[in-house]
């Protein structure tokens, strides 16, 4: 049986679909006007595939719009964020690969919600 863990955040929510020693799989929903912190990770890389909506994704200071069906690869150590400037939520699937997947591997550079 698969149990899906979900957590609410100020920008939306995420659902952990699968959590294994070598990878973690999440569904992430960003509400209109929401954006994740500008961040990077020491111990993991991520691949984001947009499945619904449109998101503005920033990688190392360069921002590009991504829509459903498009995938962005985020190597370990690369600064990144997604922002939803549209009126409908943006949904993406995140595949994390690396050696550690805890939330404490998030190094926040900027955060709209004053999280450390």
PDB file of N, CA and C in Angstrom:
ATOM      1  N   UNK A   1       0.834  -1.187   0.000  1.00  0.00           N
ATOM      2  CA  UNK A   1       0.000   0.000   0.000  1.00  0.00           C
ATOM      3  C   UNK A   1       0.878   1.250   0.000  1.00  0.00           C
ATOM      4  N   UNK A   2       0.506   2.223  -0.804  1.00  0.00           N
ATOM      5  CA  UNK A   2       1.245   3.471  -0.876  1.00  0.00           C
ATOM      6  C   UNK A   2       0.523   4.516  -0.043  1.00  0.00           C
ATOM      7  N   UNK A   3       1.254   5.144   0.872  1.00  0.00           N
ATOM      8  CA  UNK A   3       0.659   6.248   1.615  1.00  0.00           C
ATOM      9  C   UNK A   3       1.270   7.533   1.085  1.00  0.00           C
ATOM     10  N   UNK A   4       0.434   8.501   0.812  1.00  0.00           N
ATOM     11  CA  UNK A   4       0.903   9.769   0.279  1.00  0.00           C
ATOM     12  C   UNK A   4       0.907  10.795   1.401  1.00  0.00           C
ATOM     13  N   UNK A   5       2.095  11.332   1.655  1.00  0.00           N
ATOM     14  CA  UNK A   5       2.266  12.375   2.665  1.00  0.00           C
ATOM     15  C   UNK A   5       2.036  13.714   1.981  1.00  0.00           C
ATOM     16  N   UNK A   6       1.282  14.602   2.614  1.00  0.00           N
ATOM     17  CA  UNK A   6       1.135  15.930   2.033  1.00  0.00           C
ATOM     18  C   UNK A   6       1.389  16.997   3.086  1.00  0.00           C
ATOM     19  N   UNK A   7       1.874  18.134   2.604  1.00  0.00           N
ATOM     20  CA  UNK A   7       2.172  19.254   3.493  1.00  0.00           C
ATOM     21  C   UNK A   7       1.731  20.544   2.829  1.00  0.00           C
ATOM     22  N   UNK A   8       1.069  21.388   3.611  1.00  0.00           N
ATOM     23  CA  UNK A   8       0.683  22.714   3.144  1.00  0.00           C
ATOM     24  C   UNK A   8       1.858  23.661   3.344  1.00  0.00           C
ATOM     25  N   UNK A   9       2.034  24.582   2.422  1.00  0.00           N
ATOM     26  CA  UNK A   9       3.059  25.612   2.487  1.00  0.00           C
ATOM     27  C   UNK A   9       2.401  26.958   2.185  1.00  0.00           C
ATOM     28  N   UNK A  10       3.055  28.071   2.489  1.00  0.00           N
ATOM     29  CA  UNK A  10       2.451  29.382   2.205  1.00  0.00           C
ATOM     30  C   UNK A  10       2.176  29.598   0.713  1.00  0.00           C
ATOM     31  N   UNK A  11       2.935  28.942  -0.152  1.00  0.00           N
ATOM     32  CA  UNK A  11       2.797  29.091  -1.604  1.00  0.00           C
ATOM     33  C   UNK A  11       1.863  28.055  -2.234  1.00  0.00           C
ATOM     34  N   UNK A  12       1.471  27.026  -1.487  1.00  0.00           N
ATOM     35  CA  UNK A  12       0.639  25.946  -2.042  1.00  0.00           C
ATOM     36  C   UNK A  12       0.779  24.684  -1.211  1.00  0.00           C
ATOM     37  N   UNK A  13       1.144  23.577  -1.860  1.00  0.00           N
ATOM     38  CA  UNK A  13       1.263  22.313  -1.139  1.00  0.00           C
ATOM     39  C   UNK A  13       2.098  21.321  -1.956  1.00  0.00           C
ATOM     40  N   UNK A  14       2.568  20.269  -1.256  1.00  0.00           N
ATOM     41  CA  UNK A  14       3.221  19.173  -1.972  1.00  0.00           C
ATOM     42  C   UNK A  14       2.779  17.847  -1.394  1.00  0.00           C
ATOM     43  N   UNK A  15       2.873  16.835  -2.224  1.00  0.00           N
ATOM     44  CA  UNK A  15       2.497  15.472  -1.887  1.00  0.00           C
ATOM     45  C   UNK A  15       3.689  14.573  -2.185  1.00  0.00           C
ATOM     46  N   UNK A  16       4.172  13.837  -1.186  1.00  0.00           N
ATOM     47  CA  UNK A  16       5.231  12.865  -1.418  1.00  0.00           C
ATOM     48  C   UNK A  16       4.569  11.595  -1.929  1.00  0.00           C
ATOM     49  N   UNK A  17       4.854  11.261  -3.162  1.00  0.00           N
ATOM     50  CA  UNK A  17       4.239  10.090  -3.802  1.00  0.00           C
ATOM     51  C   UNK A  17       5.051   8.832  -3.522  1.00  0.00           C
ATOM     52  N   UNK A  18       6.361   8.970  -3.542  1.00  0.00           N
ATOM     53  CA  UNK A  18       7.238   7.818  -3.356  1.00  0.00           C
ATOM     54  C   UNK A  18       8.531   8.299  -2.714  1.00  0.00           C
ATOM     55  N   UNK A  19       9.014   7.601  -1.696  1.00  0.00           N
ATOM     56  CA  UNK A  19      10.230   7.991  -0.996  1.00  0.00           C
ATOM     57  C   UNK A  19      11.101   6.749  -0.838  1.00  0.00           C
ATOM     58  N   UNK A  20      12.191   6.709  -1.587  1.00  0.00           N
ATOM     59  CA  UNK A  20      13.095   5.559  -1.592  1.00  0.00           C
ATOM     60  C   UNK A  20      14.517   6.026  -1.267  1.00  0.00           C
ATOM     61  N   UNK A  21      15.412   5.111  -0.951  1.00  0.00           N
ATOM     62  CA  UNK A  21      16.786   5.513  -0.610  1.00  0.00           C
ATOM     63  C   UNK A  21      17.514   6.266  -1.736  1.00  0.00           C
ATOM     64  N   UNK A  22      17.195   5.981  -3.001  1.00  0.00           N
ATOM     65  CA  UNK A  22      17.916   6.610  -4.107  1.00  0.00           C
ATOM     66  C   UNK A  22      17.129   7.697  -4.837  1.00  0.00           C
ATOM     67  N   UNK A  23      15.841   7.853  -4.509  1.00  0.00           N
ATOM     68  CA  UNK A  23      15.055   8.912  -5.140  1.00  0.00           C
ATOM     69  C   UNK A  23      13.817   9.233  -4.320  1.00  0.00           C
ATOM     70  N   UNK A  24      13.250  10.416  -4.592  1.00  0.00           N
ATOM     71  CA  UNK A  24      11.998  10.837  -3.973  1.00  0.00           C
ATOM     72  C   UNK A  24      11.151  11.476  -5.065  1.00  0.00           C
ATOM     73  N   UNK A  25       9.857  11.192  -5.043  1.00  0.00           N
ATOM     74  CA  UNK A  25       8.937  11.680  -6.059  1.00  0.00           C
ATOM     75  C   UNK A  25       7.841  12.498  -5.392  1.00  0.00           C
ATOM     76  N   UNK A  26       7.649  13.741  -5.874  1.00  0.00           N
ATOM     77  CA  UNK A  26       6.634  14.628  -5.303  1.00  0.00           C
ATOM     78  C   UNK A  26       5.743  15.210  -6.392  1.00  0.00           C
ATOM     79  N   UNK A  27       4.505  15.522  -6.009  1.00  0.00           N
ATOM     80  CA  UNK A  27       3.603  16.349  -6.809  1.00  0.00           C
ATOM     81  C   UNK A  27       3.546  17.687  -6.068  1.00  0.00           C
ATOM     82  N   UNK A  28       3.837  18.772  -6.760  1.00  0.00           N
ATOM     83  CA  UNK A  28       3.888  20.090  -6.147  1.00  0.00           C
ATOM     84  C   UNK A  28       2.887  21.005  -6.836  1.00  0.00           C
ATOM     85  N   UNK A  29       2.091  21.703  -6.032  1.00  0.00           N
ATOM     86  CA  UNK A  29       1.086  22.639  -6.538  1.00  0.00           C
ATOM     87  C   UNK A  29       1.422  24.033  -6.018  1.00  0.00           C
ATOM     88  N   UNK A  30       1.558  24.991  -6.941  1.00  0.00           N
ATOM     89  CA  UNK A  30       1.851  26.371  -6.570  1.00  0.00           C
ATOM     90  C   UNK A  30       0.617  27.212  -6.892  1.00  0.00           C
ATOM     91  N   UNK A  31       0.041  27.811  -5.858  1.00  0.00           N
ATOM     92  CA  UNK A  31      -1.164  28.617  -6.032  1.00  0.00           C
ATOM     93  C   UNK A  31      -0.861  29.899  -6.807  1.00  0.00           C
ATOM     94  N   UNK A  32      -1.890  30.503  -7.424  1.00  0.00           N
ATOM     95  CA  UNK A  32      -1.692  31.776  -8.120  1.00  0.00           C
ATOM     96  C   UNK A  32      -1.040  32.803  -7.182  1.00  0.00           C
ATOM     97  N   UNK A  33      -0.010  33.476  -7.681  1.00  0.00           N
ATOM     98  CA  UNK A  33       0.703  34.469  -6.890  1.00  0.00           C
ATOM     99  C   UNK A  33       1.767  33.892  -5.973  1.00  0.00           C
ATOM    100  N   UNK A  34       1.863  32.567  -5.893  1.00  0.00           N
ATOM    101  CA  UNK A  34       2.836  31.936  -5.002  1.00  0.00           C
ATOM    102  C   UNK A  34       4.157  31.692  -5.690  1.00  0.00           C
ATOM    103  N   UNK A  35       5.195  31.601  -4.877  1.00  0.00           N
ATOM    104  CA  UNK A  35       6.500  31.197  -5.406  1.00  0.00           C
ATOM    105  C   UNK A  35       7.307  30.556  -4.292  1.00  0.00           C
ATOM    106  N   UNK A  36       8.088  29.576  -4.674  1.00  0.00           N
ATOM    107  CA  UNK A  36       8.964  28.900  -3.734  1.00  0.00           C
ATOM    108  C   UNK A  36      10.150  29.801  -3.422  1.00  0.00           C
ATOM    109  N   UNK A  37      10.865  29.476  -2.374  1.00  0.00           N
ATOM    110  CA  UNK A  37      12.067  30.245  -2.060  1.00  0.00           C
ATOM    111  C   UNK A  37      13.109  30.028  -3.166  1.00  0.00           C
ATOM    112  N   UNK A  38      13.981  31.018  -3.323  1.00  0.00           N
ATOM    113  CA  UNK A  38      15.134  30.881  -4.211  1.00  0.00           C
ATOM    114  C   UNK A  38      16.142  30.079  -3.406  1.00  0.00           C
ATOM    115  N   UNK A  39      16.513  28.893  -3.893  1.00  0.00           N
ATOM    116  CA  UNK A  39      17.207  27.911  -3.064  1.00  0.00           C
ATOM    117  C   UNK A  39      18.149  27.048  -3.870  1.00  0.00           C
ATOM    118  N   UNK A  40      18.937  26.250  -3.147  1.00  0.00           N
ATOM    119  CA  UNK A  40      19.736  25.202  -3.775  1.00  0.00           C
ATOM    120  C   UNK A  40      19.897  24.065  -2.767  1.00  0.00           C
ATOM    121  N   UNK A  41      20.467  22.967  -3.247  1.00  0.00           N
ATOM    122  CA  UNK A  41      20.638  21.777  -2.411  1.00  0.00           C
ATOM    123  C   UNK A  41      22.073  21.261  -2.529  1.00  0.00           C
ATOM    124  N   UNK A  42      22.604  20.772  -1.421  1.00  0.00           N
ATOM    125  CA  UNK A  42      23.937  20.173  -1.405  1.00  0.00           C
ATOM    126  C   UNK A  42      23.940  18.715  -1.857  1.00  0.00           C
ATOM    127  N   UNK A  43      22.835  17.993  -1.563  1.00  0.00           N
ATOM    128  CA  UNK A  43      22.882  16.536  -1.684  1.00  0.00           C
ATOM    129  C   UNK A  43      21.934  15.942  -2.716  1.00  0.00           C
ATOM    130  N   UNK A  44      21.270  16.797  -3.514  1.00  0.00           N
ATOM    131  CA  UNK A  44      20.350  16.231  -4.496  1.00  0.00           C
ATOM    132  C   UNK A  44      20.232  17.116  -5.733  1.00  0.00           C
ATOM    133  N   UNK A  45      19.851  16.470  -6.815  1.00  0.00           N
ATOM    134  CA  UNK A  45      19.455  17.132  -8.052  1.00  0.00           C
ATOM    135  C   UNK A  45      17.958  16.929  -8.202  1.00  0.00           C
ATOM    136  N   UNK A  46      17.321  17.757  -9.035  1.00  0.00           N
ATOM    137  CA  UNK A  46      15.884  17.636  -9.250  1.00  0.00           C
ATOM    138  C   UNK A  46      15.558  17.747 -10.725  1.00  0.00           C
ATOM    139  N   UNK A  47      14.485  17.091 -11.122  1.00  0.00           N
ATOM    140  CA  UNK A  47      13.893  17.256 -12.452  1.00  0.00           C
ATOM    141  C   UNK A  47      12.435  17.616 -12.227  1.00  0.00           C
ATOM    142  N   UNK A  48      11.990  18.717 -12.827  1.00  0.00           N
ATOM    143  CA  UNK A  48      10.608  19.171 -12.686  1.00  0.00           C
ATOM    144  C   UNK A  48       9.910  19.046 -14.028  1.00  0.00           C
ATOM    145  N   UNK A  49       8.782  18.367 -14.051  1.00  0.00           N
ATOM    146  CA  UNK A  49       7.949  18.289 -15.251  1.00  0.00           C
ATOM    147  C   UNK A  49       6.624  18.958 -14.953  1.00  0.00           C
ATOM    148  N   UNK A  50       6.326  20.011 -15.696  1.00  0.00           N
ATOM    149  CA  UNK A  50       5.068  20.731 -15.531  1.00  0.00           C
ATOM    150  C   UNK A  50       3.951  19.860 -16.099  1.00  0.00           C
ATOM    151  N   UNK A  51       2.908  19.627 -15.295  1.00  0.00           N
ATOM    152  CA  UNK A  51       1.789  18.820 -15.777  1.00  0.00           C
ATOM    153  C   UNK A  51       0.505  19.630 -15.947  1.00  0.00           C
ATOM    154  N   UNK A  52       0.456  20.824 -15.330  1.00  0.00           N
ATOM    155  CA  UNK A  52      -0.719  21.677 -15.472  1.00  0.00           C
ATOM    156  C   UNK A  52      -0.324  23.116 -15.162  1.00  0.00           C
ATOM    157  N   UNK A  53      -0.778  24.042 -15.974  1.00  0.00           N
ATOM    158  CA  UNK A  53      -0.501  25.449 -15.735  1.00  0.00           C
ATOM    159  C   UNK A  53       0.805  25.903 -16.355  1.00  0.00           C
ATOM    160  N   UNK A  54       1.224  27.108 -15.953  1.00  0.00           N
ATOM    161  CA  UNK A  54       2.438  27.743 -16.469  1.00  0.00           C
ATOM    162  C   UNK A  54       3.226  28.289 -15.293  1.00  0.00           C
ATOM    163  N   UNK A  55       4.518  28.013 -15.270  1.00  0.00           N
ATOM    164  CA  UNK A  55       5.367  28.511 -14.189  1.00  0.00           C
ATOM    165  C   UNK A  55       6.583  29.227 -14.724  1.00  0.00           C
ATOM    166  N   UNK A  56       6.995  30.272 -14.023  1.00  0.00           N
ATOM    167  CA  UNK A  56       8.244  30.959 -14.337  1.00  0.00           C
ATOM    168  C   UNK A  56       9.326  30.345 -13.460  1.00  0.00           C
ATOM    169  N   UNK A  57      10.288  29.679 -14.103  1.00  0.00           N
ATOM    170  CA  UNK A  57      11.347  28.993 -13.378  1.00  0.00           C
ATOM    171  C   UNK A  57      12.646  29.773 -13.539  1.00  0.00           C
ATOM    172  N   UNK A  58      13.301  30.041 -12.407  1.00  0.00           N
ATOM    173  CA  UNK A  58      14.584  30.736 -12.397  1.00  0.00           C
ATOM    174  C   UNK A  58      15.676  29.739 -12.043  1.00  0.00           C
ATOM    175  N   UNK A  59      16.718  29.696 -12.883  1.00  0.00           N
ATOM    176  CA  UNK A  59      17.907  28.882 -12.631  1.00  0.00           C
ATOM    177  C   UNK A  59      19.118  29.807 -12.643  1.00  0.00           C
ATOM    178  N   UNK A  60      19.819  29.895 -11.522  1.00  0.00           N
ATOM    179  CA  UNK A  60      21.008  30.747 -11.419  1.00  0.00           C
ATOM    180  C   UNK A  60      20.777  32.140 -12.007  1.00  0.00           C
ATOM    181  N   UNK A  61      19.627  32.743 -11.669  1.00  0.00           N
ATOM    182  CA  UNK A  61      19.346  34.117 -12.066  1.00  0.00           C
ATOM    183  C   UNK A  61      18.684  34.309 -13.416  1.00  0.00           C
ATOM    184  N   UNK A  62      18.511  33.244 -14.187  1.00  0.00           N
ATOM    185  CA  UNK A  62      17.882  33.337 -15.506  1.00  0.00           C
ATOM    186  C   UNK A  62      16.480  32.733 -15.421  1.00  0.00           C
ATOM    187  N   UNK A  63      15.452  33.528 -15.801  1.00  0.00           N
ATOM    188  CA  UNK A  63      14.064  33.095 -15.685  1.00  0.00           C
ATOM    189  C   UNK A  63      13.483  32.788 -17.058  1.00  0.00           C
ATOM    190  N   UNK A  64      12.741  31.682 -17.133  1.00  0.00           N
ATOM    191  CA  UNK A  64      12.077  31.263 -18.373  1.00  0.00           C
ATOM    192  C   UNK A  64      10.720  30.676 -18.010  1.00  0.00           C
ATOM    193  N   UNK A  65       9.742  30.890 -18.871  1.00  0.00           N
ATOM    194  CA  UNK A  65       8.397  30.356 -18.657  1.00  0.00           C
ATOM    195  C   UNK A  65       8.330  28.916 -19.168  1.00  0.00           C
ATOM    196  N   UNK A  66       7.716  28.047 -18.357  1.00  0.00           N
ATOM    197  CA  UNK A  66       7.531  26.641 -18.728  1.00  0.00           C
ATOM    198  C   UNK A  66       6.054  26.299 -18.634  1.00  0.00           C
ATOM    199  N   UNK A  67       5.593  25.456 -19.559  1.00  0.00           N
ATOM    200  CA  UNK A  67       4.178  25.063 -19.580  1.00  0.00           C
ATOM    201  C   UNK A  67       4.062  23.543 -19.550  1.00  0.00           C
ATOM    202  N   UNK A  68       2.824  23.072 -19.473  1.00  0.00           N
ATOM    203  CA  UNK A  68       2.552  21.635 -19.365  1.00  0.00           C
ATOM    204  C   UNK A  68       3.309  20.856 -20.436  1.00  0.00           C
ATOM    205  N   UNK A  69       3.940  19.772 -19.995  1.00  0.00           N
ATOM    206  CA  UNK A  69       4.693  18.903 -20.885  1.00  0.00           C
ATOM    207  C   UNK A  69       6.177  19.202 -20.942  1.00  0.00           C
ATOM    208  N   UNK A  70       6.597  20.341 -20.378  1.00  0.00           N
ATOM    209  CA  UNK A  70       8.011  20.698 -20.423  1.00  0.00           C
ATOM    210  C   UNK A  70       8.702  20.286 -19.122  1.00  0.00           C
ATOM    211  N   UNK A  71       9.990  19.950 -19.246  1.00  0.00           N
ATOM    212  CA  UNK A  71      10.785  19.489 -18.112  1.00  0.00           C
ATOM    213  C   UNK A  71      12.030  20.348 -17.973  1.00  0.00           C
ATOM    214  N   UNK A  72      12.398  20.643 -16.744  1.00  0.00           N
ATOM    215  CA  UNK A  72      13.623  21.386 -16.446  1.00  0.00           C
ATOM    216  C   UNK A  72      14.487  20.533 -15.530  1.00  0.00           C
ATOM    217  N   UNK A  73      15.762  20.437 -15.834  1.00  0.00           N
ATOM    218  CA  UNK A  73      16.709  19.699 -15.002  1.00  0.00           C
ATOM    219  C   UNK A  73      17.452  20.692 -14.112  1.00  0.00           C
ATOM    220  N   UNK A  74      17.525  20.384 -12.828  1.00  0.00           N
ATOM    221  CA  UNK A  74      18.154  21.268 -11.846  1.00  0.00           C
ATOM    222  C   UNK A  74      19.289  20.494 -11.170  1.00  0.00           C
ATOM    223  N   UNK A  75      20.520  20.685 -11.640  1.00  0.00           N
ATOM    224  CA  UNK A  75      21.643  19.968 -11.035  1.00  0.00           C
ATOM    225  C   UNK A  75      21.887  20.384  -9.587  1.00  0.00           C
ATOM    226  N   UNK A  76      22.500  19.498  -8.836  1.00  0.00           N
ATOM    227  CA  UNK A  76      22.876  19.768  -7.449  1.00  0.00           C
ATOM    228  C   UNK A  76      23.656  21.077  -7.384  1.00  0.00           C
ATOM    229  N   UNK A  77      23.298  21.945  -6.421  1.00  0.00           N
ATOM    230  CA  UNK A  77      24.003  23.201  -6.230  1.00  0.00           C
ATOM    231  C   UNK A  77      23.509  24.369  -7.053  1.00  0.00           C
ATOM    232  N   UNK A  78      22.614  24.132  -8.016  1.00  0.00           N
ATOM    233  CA  UNK A  78      22.096  25.216  -8.856  1.00  0.00           C
ATOM    234  C   UNK A  78      20.972  25.939  -8.120  1.00  0.00           C
ATOM    235  N   UNK A  79      21.034  27.259  -8.083  1.00  0.00           N
ATOM    236  CA  UNK A  79      20.004  28.078  -7.445  1.00  0.00           C
ATOM    237  C   UNK A  79      18.757  28.052  -8.324  1.00  0.00           C
ATOM    238  N   UNK A  80      17.585  27.859  -7.675  1.00  0.00           N
ATOM    239  CA  UNK A  80      16.360  27.707  -8.461  1.00  0.00           C
ATOM    240  C   UNK A  80      15.128  28.124  -7.672  1.00  0.00           C
ATOM    241  N   UNK A  81      14.060  28.410  -8.429  1.00  0.00           N
ATOM    242  CA  UNK A  81      12.744  28.688  -7.845  1.00  0.00           C
ATOM    243  C   UNK A  81      11.720  28.611  -8.974  1.00  0.00           C
ATOM    244  N   UNK A  82      10.465  28.434  -8.574  1.00  0.00           N
ATOM    245  CA  UNK A  82       9.349  28.518  -9.503  1.00  0.00           C
ATOM    246  C   UNK A  82       8.360  29.526  -8.948  1.00  0.00           C
ATOM    247  N   UNK A  83       7.764  30.296  -9.854  1.00  0.00           N
ATOM    248  CA  UNK A  83       6.774  31.298  -9.475  1.00  0.00           C
ATOM    249  C   UNK A  83       5.553  31.139 -10.365  1.00  0.00           C
ATOM    250  N   UNK A  84       4.379  31.329  -9.772  1.00  0.00           N
ATOM    251  CA  UNK A  84       3.122  31.248 -10.519  1.00  0.00           C
ATOM    252  C   UNK A  84       2.535  32.649 -10.654  1.00  0.00           C
ATOM    253  N   UNK A  85       2.649  33.224 -11.856  1.00  0.00           N
ATOM    254  CA  UNK A  85       2.120  34.569 -12.112  1.00  0.00           C
ATOM    255  C   UNK A  85       0.740  34.520 -12.757  1.00  0.00           C
ATOM    256  N   UNK A  86       0.211  33.325 -12.964  1.00  0.00           N
ATOM    257  CA  UNK A  86      -1.074  33.156 -13.645  1.00  0.00           C
ATOM    258  C   UNK A  86      -2.214  33.047 -12.629  1.00  0.00           C
ATOM    259  N   UNK A  87      -3.443  32.934 -13.150  1.00  0.00           N
ATOM    260  CA  UNK A  87      -4.625  32.872 -12.278  1.00  0.00           C
ATOM    261  C   UNK A  87      -5.035  31.437 -11.926  1.00  0.00           C
ATOM    262  N   UNK A  88      -4.397  30.442 -12.521  1.00  0.00           N
ATOM    263  CA  UNK A  88      -4.658  29.036 -12.198  1.00  0.00           C
ATOM    264  C   UNK A  88      -3.400  28.432 -11.596  1.00  0.00           C
ATOM    265  N   UNK A  89      -3.560  27.457 -10.708  1.00  0.00           N
ATOM    266  CA  UNK A  89      -2.383  26.874 -10.067  1.00  0.00           C
ATOM    267  C   UNK A  89      -1.503  26.164 -11.096  1.00  0.00           C
ATOM    268  N   UNK A  90      -0.236  26.117 -10.787  1.00  0.00           N
ATOM    269  CA  UNK A  90       0.706  25.353 -11.596  1.00  0.00           C
ATOM    270  C   UNK A  90       1.055  24.091 -10.813  1.00  0.00           C
ATOM    271  N   UNK A  91       1.072  22.972 -11.520  1.00  0.00           N
ATOM    272  CA  UNK A  91       1.332  21.669 -10.902  1.00  0.00           C
ATOM    273  C   UNK A  91       2.513  21.038 -11.627  1.00  0.00           C
ATOM    274  N   UNK A  92       3.459  20.518 -10.843  1.00  0.00           N
ATOM    275  CA  UNK A  92       4.569  19.811 -11.472  1.00  0.00           C
ATOM    276  C   UNK A  92       4.963  18.597 -10.647  1.00  0.00           C
ATOM    277  N   UNK A  93       5.601  17.667 -11.326  1.00  0.00           N
ATOM    278  CA  UNK A  93       6.144  16.471 -10.689  1.00  0.00           C
ATOM    279  C   UNK A  93       7.631  16.701 -10.501  1.00  0.00           C
ATOM    280  N   UNK A  94       8.099  16.475  -9.277  1.00  0.00           N
ATOM    281  CA  UNK A  94       9.513  16.652  -8.954  1.00  0.00           C
ATOM    282  C   UNK A  94      10.125  15.291  -8.676  1.00  0.00           C
ATOM    283  N   UNK A  95      11.205  14.979  -9.387  1.00  0.00           N
ATOM    284  CA  UNK A  95      11.965  13.759  -9.130  1.00  0.00           C
ATOM    285  C   UNK A  95      13.304  14.182  -8.541  1.00  0.00           C
ATOM    286  N   UNK A  96      13.548  13.788  -7.301  1.00  0.00           N
ATOM    287  CA  UNK A  96      14.808  14.096  -6.628  1.00  0.00           C
ATOM    288  C   UNK A  96      15.709  12.868  -6.706  1.00  0.00           C
ATOM    289  N   UNK A  97      16.976  13.087  -7.060  1.00  0.00           N
ATOM    290  CA  UNK A  97      17.966  12.016  -7.045  1.00  0.00           C
ATOM    291  C   UNK A  97      19.200  12.527  -6.313  1.00  0.00           C
ATOM    292  N   UNK A  98      19.876  11.646  -5.619  1.00  0.00           N
ATOM    293  CA  UNK A  98      21.066  12.044  -4.871  1.00  0.00           C
ATOM    294  C   UNK A  98      21.271  11.148  -3.674  1.00  0.00           C
ATOM    295  N   UNK A  99      21.834  11.747  -2.608  1.00  0.00           N
ATOM    296  CA  UNK A  99      22.178  10.947  -1.437  1.00  0.00           C
ATOM    297  C   UNK A  99      21.320  11.250  -0.219  1.00  0.00           C
ATOM    298  N   UNK A 100      20.544  12.359  -0.278  1.00  0.00           N
ATOM    299  CA  UNK A 100      19.725  12.730   0.872  1.00  0.00           C
ATOM    300  C   UNK A 100      18.598  13.627   0.396  1.00  0.00           C
ATOM    301  N   UNK A 101      17.373  13.411   0.935  1.00  0.00           N
ATOM    302  CA  UNK A 101      16.196  14.110   0.420  1.00  0.00           C
ATOM    303  C   UNK A 101      15.405  14.859   1.486  1.00  0.00           C
ATOM    304  N   UNK A 102      15.989  15.063   2.655  1.00  0.00           N
ATOM    305  CA  UNK A 102      15.289  15.762   3.728  1.00  0.00           C
ATOM    306  C   UNK A 102      15.061  17.230   3.412  1.00  0.00           C
ATOM    307  N   UNK A 103      14.009  17.787   4.022  1.00  0.00           N
ATOM    308  CA  UNK A 103      13.697  19.208   3.835  1.00  0.00           C
ATOM    309  C   UNK A 103      14.807  20.102   4.384  1.00  0.00           C
ATOM    310  N   UNK A 104      15.651  19.570   5.279  1.00  0.00           N
ATOM    311  CA  UNK A 104      16.749  20.375   5.819  1.00  0.00           C
ATOM    312  C   UNK A 104      17.939  20.492   4.867  1.00  0.00           C
ATOM    313  N   UNK A 105      17.832  19.953   3.657  1.00  0.00           N
ATOM    314  CA  UNK A 105      18.848  20.154   2.609  1.00  0.00           C
ATOM    315  C   UNK A 105      18.463  21.327   1.701  1.00  0.00           C
ATOM    316  N   UNK A 106      17.495  22.124   2.124  1.00  0.00           N
ATOM    317  CA  UNK A 106      17.113  23.323   1.378  1.00  0.00           C
ATOM    318  C   UNK A 106      17.916  24.499   1.942  1.00  0.00           C
ATOM    319  N   UNK A 107      18.736  25.109   1.095  1.00  0.00           N
ATOM    320  CA  UNK A 107      19.471  26.314   1.469  1.00  0.00           C
ATOM    321  C   UNK A 107      18.737  27.481   0.814  1.00  0.00           C
ATOM    322  N   UNK A 108      18.039  28.274   1.628  1.00  0.00           N
ATOM    323  CA  UNK A 108      17.237  29.381   1.105  1.00  0.00           C
ATOM    324  C   UNK A 108      18.086  30.643   0.973  1.00  0.00           C
ATOM    325  N   UNK A 109      18.063  31.235  -0.210  1.00  0.00           N
ATOM    326  CA  UNK A 109      18.773  32.479  -0.478  1.00  0.00           C
ATOM    327  C   UNK A 109      17.811  33.655  -0.298  1.00  0.00           C
ATOM    328  N   UNK A 110      16.592  33.511  -0.834  1.00  0.00           N
ATOM    329  CA  UNK A 110      15.518  34.500  -0.671  1.00  0.00           C
ATOM    330  C   UNK A 110      14.248  33.734  -0.372  1.00  0.00           C
ATOM    331  N   UNK A 111      13.411  34.302   0.500  1.00  0.00           N
ATOM    332  CA  UNK A 111      12.151  33.647   0.837  1.00  0.00           C
ATOM    333  C   UNK A 111      11.102  34.696   1.185  1.00  0.00           C
ATOM    334  N   UNK A 112       9.979  34.665   0.476  1.00  0.00           N
ATOM    335  CA  UNK A 112       8.901  35.632   0.685  1.00  0.00           C
ATOM    336  C   UNK A 112       8.203  35.457   2.025  1.00  0.00           C
ATOM    337  N   UNK A 113       8.400  34.312   2.674  1.00  0.00           N
ATOM    338  CA  UNK A 113       7.642  33.960   3.871  1.00  0.00           C
ATOM    339  C   UNK A 113       8.525  33.923   5.123  1.00  0.00           C
ATOM    340  N   UNK A 114       9.726  34.505   5.037  1.00  0.00           N
ATOM    341  CA  UNK A 114      10.656  34.627   6.163  1.00  0.00           C
ATOM    342  C   UNK A 114      11.035  33.299   6.805  1.00  0.00           C
ATOM    343  N   UNK A 115      11.149  32.252   5.969  1.00  0.00           N
ATOM    344  CA  UNK A 115      11.625  30.963   6.487  1.00  0.00           C
ATOM    345  C   UNK A 115      13.145  30.934   6.387  1.00  0.00           C
ATOM    346  N   UNK A 116      13.774  30.218   7.284  1.00  0.00           N
ATOM    347  CA  UNK A 116      15.240  30.123   7.297  1.00  0.00           C
ATOM    348  C   UNK A 116      15.670  28.977   6.414  1.00  0.00           C
TER     349      UNK A 116
END
